[in-house]
Amino acid sequence: MDHTVKSSFFSWRIALLGSLLLSLVLVGCDSHSSKKEMQMVVISAPDSLAKNTNIPQPAPPDFHNRFYTDLVFILDSVDNVHVYQTAKCYNYEVEGLPDYHFPNFIELRPEDLVTLNSDSFISFFKNNIEIDDPEGVGRRKHYYFASETDTIKNRALYDFFDHIRKSRRAPFYIIRRTTEEENKVLEFKKQRRFYAPQLISWSANFLNGSCKPYTADYKKVESQIRIFRKAKTTFDPELNTSVPNL
């Protein structure tokens, strides 16, 4: 084989190998993009969850417990998860459970939030929160995820999906946007500002949609609710053993 033919042969092999490698890279990128797009949850588009058959589906709507449960995870834009707990409060003289379309004021404070990096969320979840019911006799746990953004890019949620998919008895979960109160508390926590909720100009988007916290109207409406929730001041892993449903 002369020098010209040999050079052409090697040039052809190098070109073929380069094309093959480029194709593999492009296919890998397309596959990664498709996977990422498939996993993306958009709160305003409920079918973004329904289309993903690889994860357990969320809980059916509970109109008397639509905003809070024992554990709430706030997902910020990308990097962090802020965890807090709530506890039930009772007005024993009241009968029935009014169906309000707005959250009650839970008196959440910046110091109530336990903040962790999204990368360590599952480790925290495993070490502090028991999700399995080995005997299969207890009611499934409920966990609420509240997102600052409509499209959730925070990897903690997708790690949670992968984790519960492997569980023998996956818990229920609900995904919603953050409430006005959560947004305000998170803002003060991130900015390390002194939080005085009585001095904040709250909207009337609480309970019946026409009462502001720290007003006589709000106090009157909340007094007509038999069971409601307030934030806990400390994180207690044992609280998760209780039934979180109202």
Protein backbone atom coordinates (compact mmCIF):
# COMPACT_ATOMS: atom_id res chain seq x y z
CA MET A 1 0.00 0.00 0.00
CA ASP A 2 1.62 3.30 -1.11
CA HIS A 3 1.86 6.36 1.11
CA THR A 4 -1.10 8.16 -0.50
CA VAL A 5 -3.48 5.21 -0.10
CA LYS A 6 -2.31 4.61 3.49
CA SER A 7 -2.89 8.25 4.43
CA SER A 8 -6.37 8.21 2.92
CA PHE A 9 -7.20 5.01 4.78
CA PHE A 10 -6.16 6.42 8.16
CA SER A 11 -7.91 9.74 7.47
CA TRP A 12 -11.11 7.85 6.69
CA ARG A 13 -10.86 5.83 9.93
CA ILE A 14 -10.25 8.96 12.01
CA ALA A 15 -13.20 10.74 10.40
CA LEU A 16 -15.45 7.73 10.99
CA LEU A 17 -14.38 7.44 14.63
CA GLY A 18 -14.94 11.17 15.16
CA SER A 19 -18.42 10.99 13.68
CA LEU A 20 -19.25 8.00 15.86
CA LEU A 21 -18.08 9.73 19.04
CA LEU A 22 -19.99 12.90 18.14
CA SER A 23 -23.17 10.86 17.56
CA LEU A 24 -22.82 9.17 20.93
CA VAL A 25 -22.35 12.51 22.68
CA LEU A 26 -25.40 13.98 20.96
CA VAL A 27 -27.52 10.94 21.75
CA GLY A 28 -26.37 11.10 25.38
CA CYS A 29 -27.24 14.78 25.57
CA ASP A 30 -30.64 14.22 24.01
CA SER A 31 -31.31 11.33 26.37
CA HIS A 32 -30.28 13.41 29.37
CA SER A 33 -32.44 16.33 28.23
CA SER A 34 -35.41 14.06 27.67
CA LYS A 35 -35.00 12.50 31.09
CA LYS A 36 -34.70 15.90 32.73
CA GLU A 37 -37.74 17.18 30.84
CA MET A 38 -39.74 14.08 31.77
CA GLN A 39 -38.96 14.55 35.47
CA MET A 40 -39.70 18.28 35.63
CA VAL A 41 -42.72 19.05 37.79
CA VAL A 42 -44.83 22.11 36.98
CA ILE A 43 -47.31 22.82 39.78
CA SER A 44 -49.76 24.65 37.52
CA ALA A 45 -49.78 21.62 35.21
CA PRO A 46 -50.90 18.62 37.31
CA ASP A 47 -50.42 16.28 34.35
CA SER A 48 -46.65 16.83 34.64
CA LEU A 49 -46.88 14.37 37.55
CA ALA A 50 -49.45 12.07 36.00
CA LYS A 51 -47.28 11.53 32.94
CA ASN A 52 -44.39 10.24 35.01
CA THR A 53 -45.28 6.63 35.69
CA ASN A 54 -41.96 5.93 37.41
CA ILE A 55 -42.98 7.57 40.68
CA PRO A 56 -45.81 6.94 43.16
CA GLN A 57 -48.64 9.39 42.54
CA PRO A 58 -49.51 12.14 45.04
CA ALA A 59 -52.28 11.89 47.59
CA PRO A 60 -55.88 12.56 46.59
CA PRO A 61 -57.08 16.06 47.52
CA ASP A 62 -57.86 16.54 51.20
CA PHE A 63 -59.92 19.71 51.40
CA HIS A 64 -59.58 19.98 55.19
CA ASN A 65 -55.81 19.61 55.10
CA ARG A 66 -54.78 21.26 51.87
CA PHE A 67 -51.89 23.39 53.13
CA TYR A 68 -50.18 21.84 56.15
CA THR A 69 -49.35 18.50 57.71
CA ASP A 70 -46.87 17.31 60.33
CA LEU A 71 -43.89 17.95 58.04
CA VAL A 72 -43.55 20.59 55.35
CA PHE A 73 -40.55 20.89 53.03
CA ILE A 74 -40.01 24.28 51.38
CA LEU A 75 -38.03 23.99 48.15
CA ASP A 76 -36.23 27.18 47.24
CA SER A 77 -35.23 27.98 43.67
CA VAL A 78 -32.53 25.30 43.37
CA ASP A 79 -30.12 24.65 46.22
CA ASN A 80 -31.83 24.36 49.60
CA VAL A 81 -34.66 22.70 51.46
CA HIS A 82 -36.22 24.32 54.52
CA VAL A 83 -38.02 21.91 56.85
CA TYR A 84 -40.53 22.76 59.53
CA GLN A 85 -43.21 21.03 61.56
CA THR A 86 -46.76 21.84 62.54
CA ALA A 87 -49.02 20.55 65.30
CA LYS A 88 -52.78 20.29 65.58
CA CYS A 89 -54.74 22.78 67.63
CA TYR A 90 -58.34 22.25 68.73
CA ASN A 91 -61.42 24.34 69.42
CA TYR A 92 -63.44 21.69 71.23
CA GLU A 93 -66.63 23.76 71.39
CA VAL A 94 -66.81 23.97 67.59
CA GLU A 95 -68.43 21.31 65.43
CA GLY A 96 -67.66 20.61 61.80
CA LEU A 97 -64.72 21.52 59.59
CA PRO A 98 -65.33 24.61 57.40
CA ASP A 99 -63.80 24.31 53.92
CA TYR A 100 -61.66 27.41 53.52
CA HIS A 101 -59.74 28.00 50.32
CA PHE A 102 -56.92 29.95 51.94
CA PRO A 103 -54.39 28.90 54.59
CA ASN A 104 -54.64 29.83 58.23
CA PHE A 105 -51.85 31.84 59.83
CA ILE A 106 -49.61 29.24 61.49
CA GLU A 107 -47.27 31.70 63.29
CA LEU A 108 -44.21 30.34 61.54
CA ARG A 109 -40.91 32.02 62.41
CA PRO A 110 -37.47 31.99 60.74
CA GLU A 111 -35.97 30.01 63.62
CA ASP A 112 -38.54 27.23 63.04
CA LEU A 113 -36.96 26.40 59.69
CA VAL A 114 -34.23 23.76 59.50
CA THR A 115 -32.22 24.53 56.36
CA LEU A 116 -30.18 21.94 54.50
CA ASN A 117 -28.57 21.64 51.12
CA SER A 118 -30.58 19.75 48.53
CA ASP A 119 -27.72 17.28 48.07
CA SER A 120 -28.08 16.10 51.67
CA PHE A 121 -31.89 16.04 51.76
CA ILE A 122 -32.27 12.27 51.39
CA SER A 123 -29.65 11.60 54.06
CA PHE A 124 -31.57 13.88 56.40
CA PHE A 125 -34.82 12.19 55.42
CA LYS A 126 -33.46 8.70 56.09
CA ASN A 127 -31.88 9.63 59.41
CA ASN A 128 -34.73 11.69 60.83
CA ILE A 129 -37.96 10.58 59.19
CA GLU A 130 -39.28 7.03 59.04
CA ILE A 131 -41.43 6.40 55.98
CA ASP A 132 -41.79 2.62 55.95
CA ASP A 133 -44.49 0.75 57.83
CA PRO A 134 -43.04 -2.79 57.98
CA GLU A 135 -46.26 -4.33 59.27
CA GLY A 136 -48.40 -2.54 56.71
CA VAL A 137 -51.04 -1.68 59.30
CA GLY A 138 -50.55 2.04 59.90
CA ARG A 139 -51.91 4.86 57.80
CA ARG A 140 -49.53 6.14 55.20
CA LYS A 141 -47.57 9.25 56.09
CA HIS A 142 -48.25 12.52 54.30
CA TYR A 143 -45.50 14.97 53.36
CA TYR A 144 -46.03 18.40 51.86
CA PHE A 145 -43.62 20.05 49.45
CA ALA A 146 -43.99 23.81 48.97
CA SER A 147 -42.11 25.41 46.09
CA GLU A 148 -41.14 29.04 45.59
CA THR A 149 -41.38 28.51 41.83
CA ASP A 150 -44.03 26.98 39.59
CA THR A 151 -41.49 24.82 37.76
CA ILE A 152 -39.52 22.80 40.29
CA LYS A 153 -35.83 22.43 39.51
CA ASN A 154 -34.72 21.60 43.04
CA ARG A 155 -33.19 18.12 42.90
CA ALA A 156 -34.39 17.25 46.41
CA LEU A 157 -37.89 16.55 45.09
CA TYR A 158 -36.63 14.16 42.42
CA ASP A 159 -34.35 12.41 44.89
CA PHE A 160 -37.42 12.00 47.10
CA PHE A 161 -39.32 10.42 44.19
CA ASP A 162 -36.50 7.96 43.60
CA HIS A 163 -36.30 7.16 47.31
CA ILE A 164 -40.00 6.43 47.86
CA ARG A 165 -40.20 4.47 44.61
CA LYS A 166 -38.01 1.88 46.32
CA SER A 167 -40.09 1.90 49.51
CA ARG A 168 -42.26 -1.09 50.38
CA ARG A 169 -45.17 1.20 51.20
CA ALA A 170 -44.64 4.62 49.73
CA PRO A 171 -46.03 7.63 51.61
CA PHE A 172 -48.44 10.14 50.16
CA TYR A 173 -47.20 13.58 49.26
CA ILE A 174 -48.71 16.87 48.14
CA ILE A 175 -46.94 19.55 46.10
CA ARG A 176 -48.08 23.17 46.23
CA ARG A 177 -46.78 26.71 45.92
CA THR A 178 -45.45 28.42 49.04
CA THR A 179 -47.96 30.44 51.03
CA GLU A 180 -47.68 34.15 51.66
CA GLU A 181 -46.57 33.43 55.22
CA GLU A 182 -43.89 30.94 54.15
CA ASN A 183 -42.54 33.38 51.55
CA LYS A 184 -42.30 36.19 54.07
CA VAL A 185 -40.62 34.03 56.75
CA LEU A 186 -38.14 32.67 54.21
CA GLU A 187 -37.34 36.17 53.01
CA PHE A 188 -36.52 37.32 56.56
CA LYS A 189 -34.48 34.19 57.25
CA LYS A 190 -32.36 34.56 54.11
CA GLN A 191 -31.77 38.25 54.79
CA ARG A 192 -31.14 37.61 58.50
CA ARG A 193 -33.55 40.36 59.44
CA PHE A 194 -35.47 40.68 62.70
CA TYR A 195 -38.91 39.16 62.18
CA ALA A 196 -41.88 40.94 63.76
CA PRO A 197 -45.01 39.53 62.06
CA GLN A 198 -47.36 41.97 63.80
CA LEU A 199 -45.64 44.82 61.91
CA ILE A 200 -45.97 43.22 58.45
CA SER A 201 -48.70 44.37 56.10
CA TRP A 202 -50.38 41.02 55.39
CA SER A 203 -52.96 40.52 52.68
CA ALA A 204 -56.46 39.21 53.45
CA ASN A 205 -55.71 35.89 51.71
CA PHE A 206 -56.16 33.79 54.82
CA LEU A 207 -58.95 31.35 55.73
CA ASN A 208 -62.06 32.82 54.08
CA GLY A 209 -60.02 35.20 51.92
CA SER A 210 -61.16 38.35 53.68
CA CYS A 211 -59.30 38.49 57.00
CA LYS A 212 -55.80 39.60 57.88
CA PRO A 213 -53.69 38.04 60.66
CA TYR A 214 -53.63 39.92 63.99
CA THR A 215 -57.07 41.42 63.44
CA ALA A 216 -60.35 40.85 65.23
CA ASP A 217 -61.86 39.46 62.01
CA TYR A 218 -59.15 36.85 61.73
CA LYS A 219 -59.46 35.80 65.35
CA LYS A 220 -63.21 35.40 64.96
CA VAL A 221 -62.93 33.25 61.82
CA GLU A 222 -60.19 31.01 63.27
CA SER A 223 -62.24 30.50 66.44
CA GLN A 224 -64.90 28.83 64.28
CA ILE A 225 -62.53 26.10 63.10
CA ARG A 226 -62.51 22.91 65.13
CA ILE A 227 -59.07 21.66 64.08
CA PHE A 228 -56.29 23.80 62.64
CA ARG A 229 -52.50 23.82 62.69
CA LYS A 230 -49.73 25.97 64.11
CA ALA A 231 -45.98 25.82 63.54
CA LYS A 232 -43.79 24.01 66.05
CA THR A 233 -40.80 25.85 67.45
CA THR A 234 -38.42 22.89 67.40
CA PHE A 235 -37.84 19.98 65.05
CA ASP A 236 -38.99 16.70 66.59
CA PRO A 237 -38.35 13.51 64.53
CA GLU A 238 -40.75 11.60 66.80
CA LEU A 239 -43.66 13.71 65.60
CA ASN A 240 -43.64 11.76 62.34
CA THR A 241 -44.91 8.66 64.16
CA SER A 242 -48.32 10.31 64.59
CA VAL A 243 -51.05 10.21 61.99
CA PRO A 244 -50.57 13.43 60.05
CA ASN A 245 -54.07 13.68 58.59
CA LEU A 246 -56.68 16.01 60.00
